[in-house]
Amino acid sequence: MRIRRHPLSGAVYEVTEDGLIRVVDDNGSGLFRADGTWVSGEVTVADPQLCGWLAGPQVTRSFGGSQKDLPVTGARS
């Protein structure tokens, strides 16, 4: 499961098995869609950017190499 703490509010954002985001803070919890739309719960406002980042489409590596095979740009010697 993907879980992150919001850097400003401190609320915990967790992707549920059905693809929704559970946001837990001092006021309770709420469920939201990936676009930040409220579904249910006491917490009615969430950061849509963090919701999308956690529950949106996930990028996978498709170039067949490893991280170390990526070219280094802008490196200083």
N, C-alpha and C. Protein backbone atom coordinates (compact mmCIF):
# COMPACT_ATOMS: atom_id res chain seq x y z
N MET A 1 0.83 -1.19 0.00
CA MET A 1 0.00 0.00 0.00
C MET A 1 0.87 1.24 0.00
N ARG A 2 0.36 2.27 -0.64
CA ARG A 2 1.09 3.54 -0.69
C ARG A 2 0.54 4.45 0.40
N ILE A 3 1.44 4.92 1.26
CA ILE A 3 1.08 5.80 2.38
C ILE A 3 2.06 6.95 2.43
N ARG A 4 1.55 8.17 2.61
CA ARG A 4 2.41 9.35 2.75
C ARG A 4 1.80 10.29 3.78
N ARG A 5 2.66 10.99 4.49
CA ARG A 5 2.22 12.03 5.41
C ARG A 5 2.32 13.36 4.66
N HIS A 6 1.26 14.16 4.73
CA HIS A 6 1.25 15.45 4.06
C HIS A 6 2.30 16.35 4.72
N PRO A 7 3.18 16.97 3.94
CA PRO A 7 4.28 17.73 4.53
C PRO A 7 3.84 18.99 5.29
N LEU A 8 2.68 19.54 5.01
CA LEU A 8 2.22 20.75 5.69
C LEU A 8 1.20 20.47 6.77
N SER A 9 0.19 19.68 6.46
CA SER A 9 -0.89 19.44 7.44
C SER A 9 -0.58 18.32 8.42
N GLY A 10 0.29 17.40 8.02
CA GLY A 10 0.59 16.24 8.86
C GLY A 10 -0.40 15.11 8.72
N ALA A 11 -1.46 15.30 7.92
CA ALA A 11 -2.45 14.24 7.71
C ALA A 11 -1.81 13.06 6.99
N VAL A 12 -2.30 11.87 7.27
CA VAL A 12 -1.80 10.66 6.63
C VAL A 12 -2.72 10.30 5.47
N TYR A 13 -2.14 10.11 4.29
CA TYR A 13 -2.86 9.74 3.07
C TYR A 13 -2.49 8.31 2.74
N GLU A 14 -3.52 7.46 2.60
CA GLU A 14 -3.29 6.04 2.34
C GLU A 14 -4.22 5.56 1.24
N VAL A 15 -3.68 4.87 0.26
CA VAL A 15 -4.49 4.31 -0.82
C VAL A 15 -5.11 3.01 -0.33
N THR A 16 -6.43 2.90 -0.45
CA THR A 16 -7.12 1.69 -0.01
C THR A 16 -7.12 0.66 -1.14
N GLU A 17 -7.55 -0.55 -0.82
CA GLU A 17 -7.57 -1.63 -1.81
C GLU A 17 -8.49 -1.33 -3.00
N ASP A 18 -9.53 -0.52 -2.78
CA ASP A 18 -10.45 -0.21 -3.87
C ASP A 18 -10.06 1.06 -4.63
N GLY A 19 -8.84 1.58 -4.37
CA GLY A 19 -8.34 2.72 -5.14
C GLY A 19 -8.69 4.09 -4.59
N LEU A 20 -9.39 4.15 -3.47
CA LEU A 20 -9.69 5.43 -2.85
C LEU A 20 -8.55 5.82 -1.92
N ILE A 21 -8.55 7.08 -1.49
CA ILE A 21 -7.54 7.57 -0.57
C ILE A 21 -8.20 7.84 0.77
N ARG A 22 -7.66 7.25 1.83
CA ARG A 22 -8.13 7.53 3.18
C ARG A 22 -7.21 8.60 3.76
N VAL A 23 -7.81 9.69 4.20
CA VAL A 23 -7.05 10.78 4.82
C VAL A 23 -7.41 10.79 6.30
N VAL A 24 -6.38 10.68 7.15
CA VAL A 24 -6.58 10.66 8.59
C VAL A 24 -5.83 11.84 9.19
N ASP A 25 -6.56 12.66 9.96
CA ASP A 25 -5.93 13.77 10.68
C ASP A 25 -6.53 13.85 12.08
N ASP A 26 -6.28 14.94 12.80
CA ASP A 26 -6.77 15.08 14.17
C ASP A 26 -8.29 15.13 14.27
N ASN A 27 -8.98 15.44 13.16
CA ASN A 27 -10.44 15.56 13.16
C ASN A 27 -11.16 14.26 12.78
N GLY A 28 -10.42 13.23 12.43
CA GLY A 28 -11.04 11.97 12.02
C GLY A 28 -10.46 11.48 10.72
N SER A 29 -11.31 10.90 9.87
CA SER A 29 -10.85 10.38 8.59
C SER A 29 -11.89 10.63 7.52
N GLY A 30 -11.46 10.54 6.28
CA GLY A 30 -12.35 10.70 5.14
C GLY A 30 -11.83 9.91 3.96
N LEU A 31 -12.72 9.60 3.03
CA LEU A 31 -12.34 8.90 1.81
C LEU A 31 -12.49 9.85 0.63
N PHE A 32 -11.52 9.76 -0.30
CA PHE A 32 -11.48 10.65 -1.46
C PHE A 32 -11.11 9.86 -2.70
N ARG A 33 -11.53 10.38 -3.86
CA ARG A 33 -11.12 9.80 -5.14
C ARG A 33 -9.74 10.34 -5.51
N ALA A 34 -9.14 9.79 -6.55
CA ALA A 34 -7.80 10.19 -6.97
C ALA A 34 -7.72 11.66 -7.37
N ASP A 35 -8.85 12.26 -7.74
CA ASP A 35 -8.84 13.69 -8.11
C ASP A 35 -9.10 14.59 -6.90
N GLY A 36 -9.21 14.01 -5.70
CA GLY A 36 -9.42 14.78 -4.49
C GLY A 36 -10.87 15.02 -4.14
N THR A 37 -11.79 14.43 -4.88
CA THR A 37 -13.22 14.58 -4.62
C THR A 37 -13.60 13.78 -3.37
N TRP A 38 -14.31 14.45 -2.45
CA TRP A 38 -14.75 13.81 -1.21
C TRP A 38 -15.78 12.74 -1.49
N VAL A 39 -15.67 11.60 -0.80
CA VAL A 39 -16.62 10.49 -0.92
C VAL A 39 -17.41 10.33 0.37
N SER A 40 -16.71 10.25 1.51
CA SER A 40 -17.39 10.09 2.80
C SER A 40 -16.42 10.38 3.94
N GLY A 41 -16.98 10.53 5.15
CA GLY A 41 -16.17 10.70 6.35
C GLY A 41 -16.22 12.09 6.94
N GLU A 42 -15.60 12.23 8.11
CA GLU A 42 -15.57 13.50 8.82
C GLU A 42 -14.65 14.52 8.15
N VAL A 43 -13.52 14.04 7.63
CA VAL A 43 -12.59 14.92 6.92
C VAL A 43 -13.14 15.12 5.51
N THR A 44 -13.40 16.37 5.14
CA THR A 44 -14.06 16.65 3.85
C THR A 44 -13.17 17.36 2.85
N VAL A 45 -11.93 17.69 3.25
CA VAL A 45 -11.02 18.40 2.35
C VAL A 45 -9.70 17.65 2.31
N ALA A 46 -9.18 17.44 1.10
CA ALA A 46 -7.90 16.77 0.92
C ALA A 46 -7.11 17.50 -0.15
N ASP A 47 -5.81 17.30 -0.16
CA ASP A 47 -4.94 17.88 -1.17
C ASP A 47 -5.08 17.08 -2.46
N PRO A 48 -5.67 17.68 -3.52
CA PRO A 48 -5.88 16.92 -4.75
C PRO A 48 -4.58 16.50 -5.42
N GLN A 49 -3.52 17.28 -5.24
CA GLN A 49 -2.24 16.91 -5.85
C GLN A 49 -1.68 15.64 -5.22
N LEU A 50 -1.74 15.55 -3.89
CA LEU A 50 -1.23 14.36 -3.21
C LEU A 50 -2.13 13.15 -3.50
N CYS A 51 -3.44 13.37 -3.56
CA CYS A 51 -4.35 12.27 -3.92
C CYS A 51 -4.01 11.72 -5.29
N GLY A 52 -3.83 12.60 -6.26
CA GLY A 52 -3.50 12.17 -7.62
C GLY A 52 -2.15 11.49 -7.70
N TRP A 53 -1.19 12.00 -6.93
CA TRP A 53 0.15 11.42 -6.94
C TRP A 53 0.13 10.00 -6.38
N LEU A 54 -0.65 9.78 -5.34
CA LEU A 54 -0.71 8.45 -4.72
C LEU A 54 -1.59 7.46 -5.48
N ALA A 55 -2.77 7.91 -5.90
CA ALA A 55 -3.75 6.97 -6.46
C ALA A 55 -3.89 7.06 -7.97
N GLY A 56 -3.20 8.00 -8.59
CA GLY A 56 -3.27 8.14 -10.04
C GLY A 56 -2.46 7.07 -10.74
N PRO A 57 -2.35 7.17 -12.05
CA PRO A 57 -1.56 6.19 -12.81
C PRO A 57 -0.12 6.17 -12.32
N GLN A 58 0.43 4.98 -12.18
CA GLN A 58 1.80 4.81 -11.72
C GLN A 58 2.72 4.55 -12.91
N VAL A 59 3.81 5.26 -12.97
CA VAL A 59 4.78 5.10 -14.05
C VAL A 59 5.63 3.88 -13.76
N THR A 60 5.83 3.06 -14.78
CA THR A 60 6.70 1.90 -14.62
C THR A 60 7.91 2.06 -15.51
N ARG A 61 8.98 1.43 -15.14
CA ARG A 61 10.21 1.49 -15.92
C ARG A 61 10.03 0.61 -17.15
N SER A 62 10.25 1.16 -18.34
CA SER A 62 10.02 0.37 -19.55
C SER A 62 11.23 0.32 -20.46
N PHE A 63 12.36 0.88 -20.05
CA PHE A 63 13.51 0.90 -20.94
C PHE A 63 14.38 -0.34 -20.80
N GLY A 64 14.06 -1.21 -19.86
CA GLY A 64 14.75 -2.48 -19.76
C GLY A 64 16.06 -2.46 -19.01
N GLY A 65 16.51 -1.30 -18.59
CA GLY A 65 17.76 -1.21 -17.86
C GLY A 65 17.52 -0.97 -16.39
N SER A 66 18.57 -0.63 -15.70
CA SER A 66 18.44 -0.30 -14.29
C SER A 66 18.67 1.19 -14.10
N GLN A 67 18.44 1.67 -12.90
CA GLN A 67 18.60 3.08 -12.58
C GLN A 67 20.03 3.53 -12.91
N LYS A 68 21.02 2.68 -12.68
CA LYS A 68 22.40 3.07 -12.91
C LYS A 68 22.72 3.21 -14.40
N ASP A 69 21.85 2.68 -15.28
CA ASP A 69 22.07 2.79 -16.73
C ASP A 69 21.61 4.13 -17.29
N LEU A 70 20.91 4.93 -16.47
CA LEU A 70 20.42 6.21 -16.95
C LEU A 70 21.59 7.18 -17.15
N PRO A 71 21.57 7.98 -18.21
CA PRO A 71 22.65 8.94 -18.43
C PRO A 71 22.64 10.04 -17.37
N VAL A 72 23.79 10.47 -16.97
CA VAL A 72 23.91 11.55 -16.00
C VAL A 72 24.07 12.86 -16.77
N THR A 73 23.19 13.81 -16.50
CA THR A 73 23.27 15.11 -17.17
C THR A 73 23.46 16.19 -16.13
N GLY A 74 24.20 17.19 -16.48
CA GLY A 74 24.40 18.32 -15.60
C GLY A 74 25.30 18.03 -14.42
N ALA A 75 26.06 16.92 -14.50
CA ALA A 75 26.94 16.58 -13.39
C ALA A 75 28.17 17.46 -13.40
N ARG A 76 28.61 17.81 -12.22
CA ARG A 76 29.83 18.61 -12.09
C ARG A 76 31.00 17.69 -11.77
N SER A 77 32.13 18.03 -12.32
CA SER A 77 33.31 17.18 -12.03
C SER A 77 34.21 17.82 -11.00
